[in-house]
Amino acid sequence: SVKFPYTDEPVLADDIQWVIWNKGKLSRSLPLFAEIGLLTRQPVDGKEGLYHYDLTELGQEYLYSSYKKSGSGRTIYDNSFCYGQIKVIKVRDVSEKTYERGLSGYNETQITVKINYQVVNTPEWVINNQDKLKALYGLYSVLLPDVTYPQSLLYIKGKDGKLHEKSWYYLLMQP
């Protein structure tokens, strides 16, 4: 969770676990995004090891931003750098199965669609920094152009007969 502009905050003794986790994650990811050119990074005067971050023009172009309120009333900012459109190359299989007790706890019909897809228009900042991004976010965090990837999509058929998407993994890199 980060809202730009953002200034590093040290971990405090009374921070809850989620805040400690969030600050730690930001301390690893924001410097990388500054190095790539999506963020600016300036030292905070008089506070060694703390930095102020803001979006560059490139960062603004690829930022996907939303927010929600937590149960405690805290605003959770979900900012991610999103790249590459998905192009479906092939639908491999479509299957339908009805379960007495589905994901929602009642009788439901699930439809699985298996596809092959490619990512188009992958920007140079992703291609040029793929090793660094993979090191921080994992092997499958960088999807390259002209490579075909498999995906299974799960849909739930509503009582009205309409399909509702249950899961899909977008190519998001959270700061």
C-alpha atoms as a PDB file:
ATOM      1  CA  SER A   1       0.000   0.000   0.000  1.00  0.00           C
ATOM      2  CA  VAL A   2       1.536   3.249  -1.148  1.00  0.00           C
ATOM      3  CA  LYS A   3       0.223   6.651  -2.209  1.00  0.00           C
ATOM      4  CA  PHE A   4       2.465   8.869  -4.328  1.00  0.00           C
ATOM      5  CA  PRO A   5       4.249  11.065  -3.507  1.00  0.00           C
ATOM      6  CA  TYR A   6       5.605   8.859  -0.713  1.00  0.00           C
ATOM      7  CA  THR A   7       8.344   9.343   1.875  1.00  0.00           C
ATOM      8  CA  ASP A   8       9.940   6.332   3.579  1.00  0.00           C
ATOM      9  CA  GLU A   9       8.843   5.797   7.145  1.00  0.00           C
ATOM     10  CA  PRO A  10      10.982   3.901   9.651  1.00  0.00           C
ATOM     11  CA  VAL A  11       9.431   0.892  11.366  1.00  0.00           C
ATOM     12  CA  LEU A  12       8.086   1.984  14.756  1.00  0.00           C
ATOM     13  CA  ALA A  13       7.792  -0.118  17.910  1.00  0.00           C
ATOM     14  CA  ASP A  14       3.998   0.209  17.943  1.00  0.00           C
ATOM     15  CA  ASP A  15       3.470  -0.600  14.241  1.00  0.00           C
ATOM     16  CA  ILE A  16       1.079  -3.480  13.618  1.00  0.00           C
ATOM     17  CA  GLN A  17       2.426  -6.468  11.668  1.00  0.00           C
ATOM     18  CA  TRP A  18       0.726  -5.428   8.402  1.00  0.00           C
ATOM     19  CA  VAL A  19       2.388  -1.974   8.530  1.00  0.00           C
ATOM     20  CA  ILE A  20       5.792  -3.542   9.252  1.00  0.00           C
ATOM     21  CA  TRP A  21       5.312  -5.911   6.311  1.00  0.00           C
ATOM     22  CA  ASN A  22       4.212  -3.062   4.002  1.00  0.00           C
ATOM     23  CA  LYS A  23       7.150  -0.801   4.929  1.00  0.00           C
ATOM     24  CA  GLY A  24       9.577  -3.685   4.369  1.00  0.00           C
ATOM     25  CA  LYS A  25       8.109  -4.481   0.973  1.00  0.00           C
ATOM     26  CA  LEU A  26       8.275  -0.822  -0.091  1.00  0.00           C
ATOM     27  CA  SER A  27      11.904  -0.546   1.057  1.00  0.00           C
ATOM     28  CA  ARG A  28      12.781  -3.324  -1.420  1.00  0.00           C
ATOM     29  CA  SER A  29      10.578  -2.408  -4.391  1.00  0.00           C
ATOM     30  CA  LEU A  30      10.636   1.398  -4.556  1.00  0.00           C
ATOM     31  CA  PRO A  31      14.427   1.677  -5.071  1.00  0.00           C
ATOM     32  CA  LEU A  32      14.173  -0.775  -7.990  1.00  0.00           C
ATOM     33  CA  PHE A  33      11.356   1.181  -9.628  1.00  0.00           C
ATOM     34  CA  ALA A  34      13.391   4.364  -9.183  1.00  0.00           C
ATOM     35  CA  GLU A  35      16.393   2.671 -10.814  1.00  0.00           C
ATOM     36  CA  ILE A  36      14.185   1.559 -13.727  1.00  0.00           C
ATOM     37  CA  GLY A  37      12.861   5.109 -14.192  1.00  0.00           C
ATOM     38  CA  LEU A  38       9.253   4.773 -13.004  1.00  0.00           C
ATOM     39  CA  LEU A  39       9.882   6.796  -9.828  1.00  0.00           C
ATOM     40  CA  THR A  40      12.117   9.616  -8.673  1.00  0.00           C
ATOM     41  CA  ARG A  41      14.128   9.004  -5.487  1.00  0.00           C
ATOM     42  CA  GLN A  42      15.506  11.839  -3.371  1.00  0.00           C
ATOM     43  CA  PRO A  43      17.192  11.534   0.060  1.00  0.00           C
ATOM     44  CA  VAL A  44      15.243  13.046   2.961  1.00  0.00           C
ATOM     45  CA  ASP A  45      17.263  15.851   4.586  1.00  0.00           C
ATOM     46  CA  GLY A  46      18.558  14.906   8.020  1.00  0.00           C
ATOM     47  CA  LYS A  47      17.161  11.345   7.878  1.00  0.00           C
ATOM     48  CA  GLU A  48      19.838   8.950   6.715  1.00  0.00           C
ATOM     49  CA  GLY A  49      18.531   5.995   4.749  1.00  0.00           C
ATOM     50  CA  LEU A  50      15.087   7.529   4.106  1.00  0.00           C
ATOM     51  CA  TYR A  51      13.954   8.666   0.662  1.00  0.00           C
ATOM     52  CA  HIS A  52      11.138  10.575  -0.973  1.00  0.00           C
ATOM     53  CA  TYR A  53       9.546   8.965  -4.058  1.00  0.00           C
ATOM     54  CA  ASP A  54       7.293  10.341  -6.754  1.00  0.00           C
ATOM     55  CA  LEU A  55       6.107   9.180 -10.147  1.00  0.00           C
ATOM     56  CA  THR A  56       8.024  10.068 -13.293  1.00  0.00           C
ATOM     57  CA  GLU A  57       6.198  10.567 -16.599  1.00  0.00           C
ATOM     58  CA  LEU A  58       7.019   6.953 -17.438  1.00  0.00           C
ATOM     59  CA  GLY A  59       5.652   5.816 -14.077  1.00  0.00           C
ATOM     60  CA  GLN A  60       2.428   7.775 -14.597  1.00  0.00           C
ATOM     61  CA  GLU A  61       1.972   6.076 -17.970  1.00  0.00           C
ATOM     62  CA  TYR A  62       2.081   2.553 -16.493  1.00  0.00           C
ATOM     63  CA  LEU A  63       0.463   3.147 -13.091  1.00  0.00           C
ATOM     64  CA  TYR A  64      -2.721   1.299 -12.211  1.00  0.00           C
ATOM     65  CA  SER A  65      -4.176   2.788  -9.047  1.00  0.00           C
ATOM     66  CA  SER A  66      -7.130   2.057  -6.793  1.00  0.00           C
ATOM     67  CA  TYR A  67      -7.930   2.216  -3.107  1.00  0.00           C
ATOM     68  CA  LYS A  68     -10.296   0.750  -0.544  1.00  0.00           C
ATOM     69  CA  LYS A  69     -11.084   1.118   3.134  1.00  0.00           C
ATOM     70  CA  SER A  70     -10.030  -1.630   5.501  1.00  0.00           C
ATOM     71  CA  GLY A  71     -12.247  -2.890   8.303  1.00  0.00           C
ATOM     72  CA  SER A  72     -10.412  -0.573  10.712  1.00  0.00           C
ATOM     73  CA  GLY A  73     -11.034   2.444   8.470  1.00  0.00           C
ATOM     74  CA  ARG A  74      -7.467   2.626   7.134  1.00  0.00           C
ATOM     75  CA  THR A  75      -7.217   3.539   3.440  1.00  0.00           C
ATOM     76  CA  ILE A  76      -5.366   0.830   1.511  1.00  0.00           C
ATOM     77  CA  TYR A  77      -3.815   2.138  -1.705  1.00  0.00           C
ATOM     78  CA  ASP A  78      -3.264  -0.477  -4.395  1.00  0.00           C
ATOM     79  CA  ASN A  79      -0.771   0.957  -6.845  1.00  0.00           C
ATOM     80  CA  SER A  80       0.820  -1.296  -9.417  1.00  0.00           C
ATOM     81  CA  PHE A  81       2.782  -0.856 -12.597  1.00  0.00           C
ATOM     82  CA  CYS A  82       0.869  -2.700 -15.289  1.00  0.00           C
ATOM     83  CA  TYR A  83       2.329  -3.545 -18.662  1.00  0.00           C
ATOM     84  CA  GLY A  84       1.422  -5.412 -21.789  1.00  0.00           C
ATOM     85  CA  GLN A  85      -1.950  -6.260 -23.184  1.00  0.00           C
ATOM     86  CA  ILE A  86      -3.047  -9.881 -23.313  1.00  0.00           C
ATOM     87  CA  LYS A  87      -3.733 -11.441 -26.720  1.00  0.00           C
ATOM     88  CA  VAL A  88      -5.499 -14.800 -26.690  1.00  0.00           C
ATOM     89  CA  ILE A  89      -3.758 -17.090 -29.162  1.00  0.00           C
ATOM     90  CA  LYS A  90      -5.871 -20.212 -28.674  1.00  0.00           C
ATOM     91  CA  VAL A  91      -8.714 -21.524 -26.551  1.00  0.00           C
ATOM     92  CA  ARG A  92      -7.494 -25.033 -25.622  1.00  0.00           C
ATOM     93  CA  ASP A  93     -10.484 -26.301 -23.679  1.00  0.00           C
ATOM     94  CA  VAL A  94     -13.797 -25.270 -22.132  1.00  0.00           C
ATOM     95  CA  SER A  95     -15.321 -27.482 -19.456  1.00  0.00           C
ATOM     96  CA  GLU A  96     -18.357 -27.119 -17.235  1.00  0.00           C
ATOM     97  CA  LYS A  97     -18.949 -28.889 -13.924  1.00  0.00           C
ATOM     98  CA  THR A  98     -21.653 -28.460 -11.290  1.00  0.00           C
ATOM     99  CA  TYR A  99     -20.775 -28.919  -7.631  1.00  0.00           C
ATOM    100  CA  GLU A 100     -23.187 -29.464  -4.747  1.00  0.00           C
ATOM    101  CA  ARG A 101     -20.963 -27.283  -2.595  1.00  0.00           C
ATOM    102  CA  GLY A 102     -19.006 -24.849  -4.745  1.00  0.00           C
ATOM    103  CA  LEU A 103     -16.577 -22.069  -3.869  1.00  0.00           C
ATOM    104  CA  SER A 104     -19.475 -19.993  -2.568  1.00  0.00           C
ATOM    105  CA  GLY A 105     -20.755 -22.786  -0.338  1.00  0.00           C
ATOM    106  CA  TYR A 106     -23.851 -23.649  -2.374  1.00  0.00           C
ATOM    107  CA  ASN A 107     -24.770 -25.509  -5.539  1.00  0.00           C
ATOM    108  CA  GLU A 108     -22.868 -23.838  -8.381  1.00  0.00           C
ATOM    109  CA  THR A 109     -21.684 -24.437 -11.897  1.00  0.00           C
ATOM    110  CA  GLN A 110     -18.042 -23.692 -12.609  1.00  0.00           C
ATOM    111  CA  ILE A 111     -16.743 -23.156 -16.117  1.00  0.00           C
ATOM    112  CA  THR A 112     -13.038 -23.516 -16.759  1.00  0.00           C
ATOM    113  CA  VAL A 113     -11.558 -21.985 -19.893  1.00  0.00           C
ATOM    114  CA  LYS A 114      -7.994 -22.966 -20.757  1.00  0.00           C
ATOM    115  CA  ILE A 115      -6.203 -20.588 -23.093  1.00  0.00           C
ATOM    116  CA  ASN A 116      -2.804 -19.830 -24.556  1.00  0.00           C
ATOM    117  CA  TYR A 117      -1.928 -16.140 -24.657  1.00  0.00           C
ATOM    118  CA  GLN A 118       0.851 -13.733 -25.470  1.00  0.00           C
ATOM    119  CA  VAL A 119       1.697 -10.343 -24.039  1.00  0.00           C
ATOM    120  CA  VAL A 120       1.876  -7.604 -26.666  1.00  0.00           C
ATOM    121  CA  ASN A 121       3.541  -4.210 -26.497  1.00  0.00           C
ATOM    122  CA  THR A 122       5.872  -5.161 -23.641  1.00  0.00           C
ATOM    123  CA  PRO A 123       7.748  -1.930 -22.846  1.00  0.00           C
ATOM    124  CA  GLU A 124      11.518  -1.653 -22.963  1.00  0.00           C
ATOM    125  CA  TRP A 125      11.725  -0.943 -19.210  1.00  0.00           C
ATOM    126  CA  VAL A 126      10.391  -4.464 -18.567  1.00  0.00           C
ATOM    127  CA  ILE A 127      12.585  -6.197 -21.158  1.00  0.00           C
ATOM    128  CA  ASN A 128      15.749  -4.319 -20.112  1.00  0.00           C
ATOM    129  CA  ASN A 129      15.204  -4.978 -16.393  1.00  0.00           C
ATOM    130  CA  GLN A 130      13.729  -8.468 -16.510  1.00  0.00           C
ATOM    131  CA  ASP A 131      16.481 -10.061 -14.379  1.00  0.00           C
ATOM    132  CA  LYS A 132      16.089  -7.484 -11.599  1.00  0.00           C
ATOM    133  CA  LEU A 133      12.284  -7.734 -11.696  1.00  0.00           C
ATOM    134  CA  LYS A 134      12.395 -11.547 -11.596  1.00  0.00           C
ATOM    135  CA  ALA A 135      14.833 -11.441  -8.667  1.00  0.00           C
ATOM    136  CA  LEU A 136      12.378  -9.341  -6.645  1.00  0.00           C
ATOM    137  CA  TYR A 137       9.018 -10.669  -7.850  1.00  0.00           C
ATOM    138  CA  GLY A 138       9.754 -14.222  -8.954  1.00  0.00           C
ATOM    139  CA  LEU A 139      10.386 -16.155 -12.135  1.00  0.00           C
ATOM    140  CA  TYR A 140       6.949 -15.597 -13.702  1.00  0.00           C
ATOM    141  CA  SER A 141       6.692 -11.866 -12.964  1.00  0.00           C
ATOM    142  CA  VAL A 142       8.059 -10.875 -16.361  1.00  0.00           C
ATOM    143  CA  LEU A 143       6.181 -12.101 -19.399  1.00  0.00           C
ATOM    144  CA  LEU A 144       7.961 -11.433 -22.656  1.00  0.00           C
ATOM    145  CA  PRO A 145       6.620 -10.699 -26.139  1.00  0.00           C
ATOM    146  CA  ASP A 146       6.334 -13.514 -28.682  1.00  0.00           C
ATOM    147  CA  VAL A 147       6.250 -16.173 -25.945  1.00  0.00           C
ATOM    148  CA  THR A 148       3.065 -18.207 -25.498  1.00  0.00           C
ATOM    149  CA  TYR A 149       1.845 -18.749 -21.943  1.00  0.00           C
ATOM    150  CA  PRO A 150      -0.909 -21.104 -20.711  1.00  0.00           C
ATOM    151  CA  GLN A 151      -3.691 -19.862 -18.408  1.00  0.00           C
ATOM    152  CA  SER A 152      -6.813 -21.344 -16.840  1.00  0.00           C
ATOM    153  CA  LEU A 153      -9.722 -19.000 -16.209  1.00  0.00           C
ATOM    154  CA  LEU A 154     -12.477 -19.900 -13.792  1.00  0.00           C
ATOM    155  CA  TYR A 155     -16.005 -18.582 -14.191  1.00  0.00           C
ATOM    156  CA  ILE A 156     -19.039 -19.173 -12.000  1.00  0.00           C
ATOM    157  CA  LYS A 157     -22.437 -19.407 -13.672  1.00  0.00           C
ATOM    158  CA  GLY A 158     -24.852 -17.247 -11.679  1.00  0.00           C
ATOM    159  CA  LYS A 159     -28.453 -18.137 -10.961  1.00  0.00           C
ATOM    160  CA  ASP A 160     -29.322 -15.684 -13.743  1.00  0.00           C
ATOM    161  CA  GLY A 161     -27.239 -17.744 -16.208  1.00  0.00           C
ATOM    162  CA  LYS A 162     -24.552 -15.048 -16.549  1.00  0.00           C
ATOM    163  CA  LEU A 163     -20.881 -15.878 -16.123  1.00  0.00           C
ATOM    164  CA  HIS A 164     -18.877 -14.207 -13.357  1.00  0.00           C
ATOM    165  CA  GLU A 165     -15.117 -14.223 -13.470  1.00  0.00           C
ATOM    166  CA  LYS A 166     -13.661 -15.844 -10.362  1.00  0.00           C
ATOM    167  CA  SER A 167      -9.926 -15.535 -10.948  1.00  0.00           C
ATOM    168  CA  TRP A 168      -7.518 -13.851 -13.330  1.00  0.00           C
ATOM    169  CA  TYR A 169      -3.940 -12.816 -12.765  1.00  0.00           C
ATOM    170  CA  TYR A 170      -3.068  -9.503 -14.354  1.00  0.00           C
ATOM    171  CA  LEU A 171       0.498  -8.509 -15.023  1.00  0.00           C
ATOM    172  CA  LEU A 172       0.805  -6.213 -12.050  1.00  0.00           C
ATOM    173  CA  MET A 173       3.983  -5.227 -10.294  1.00  0.00           C
ATOM    174  CA  GLN A 174       3.205  -3.606  -7.004  1.00  0.00           C
ATOM    175  CA  PRO A 175       5.565  -0.898  -5.829  1.00  0.00           C
END
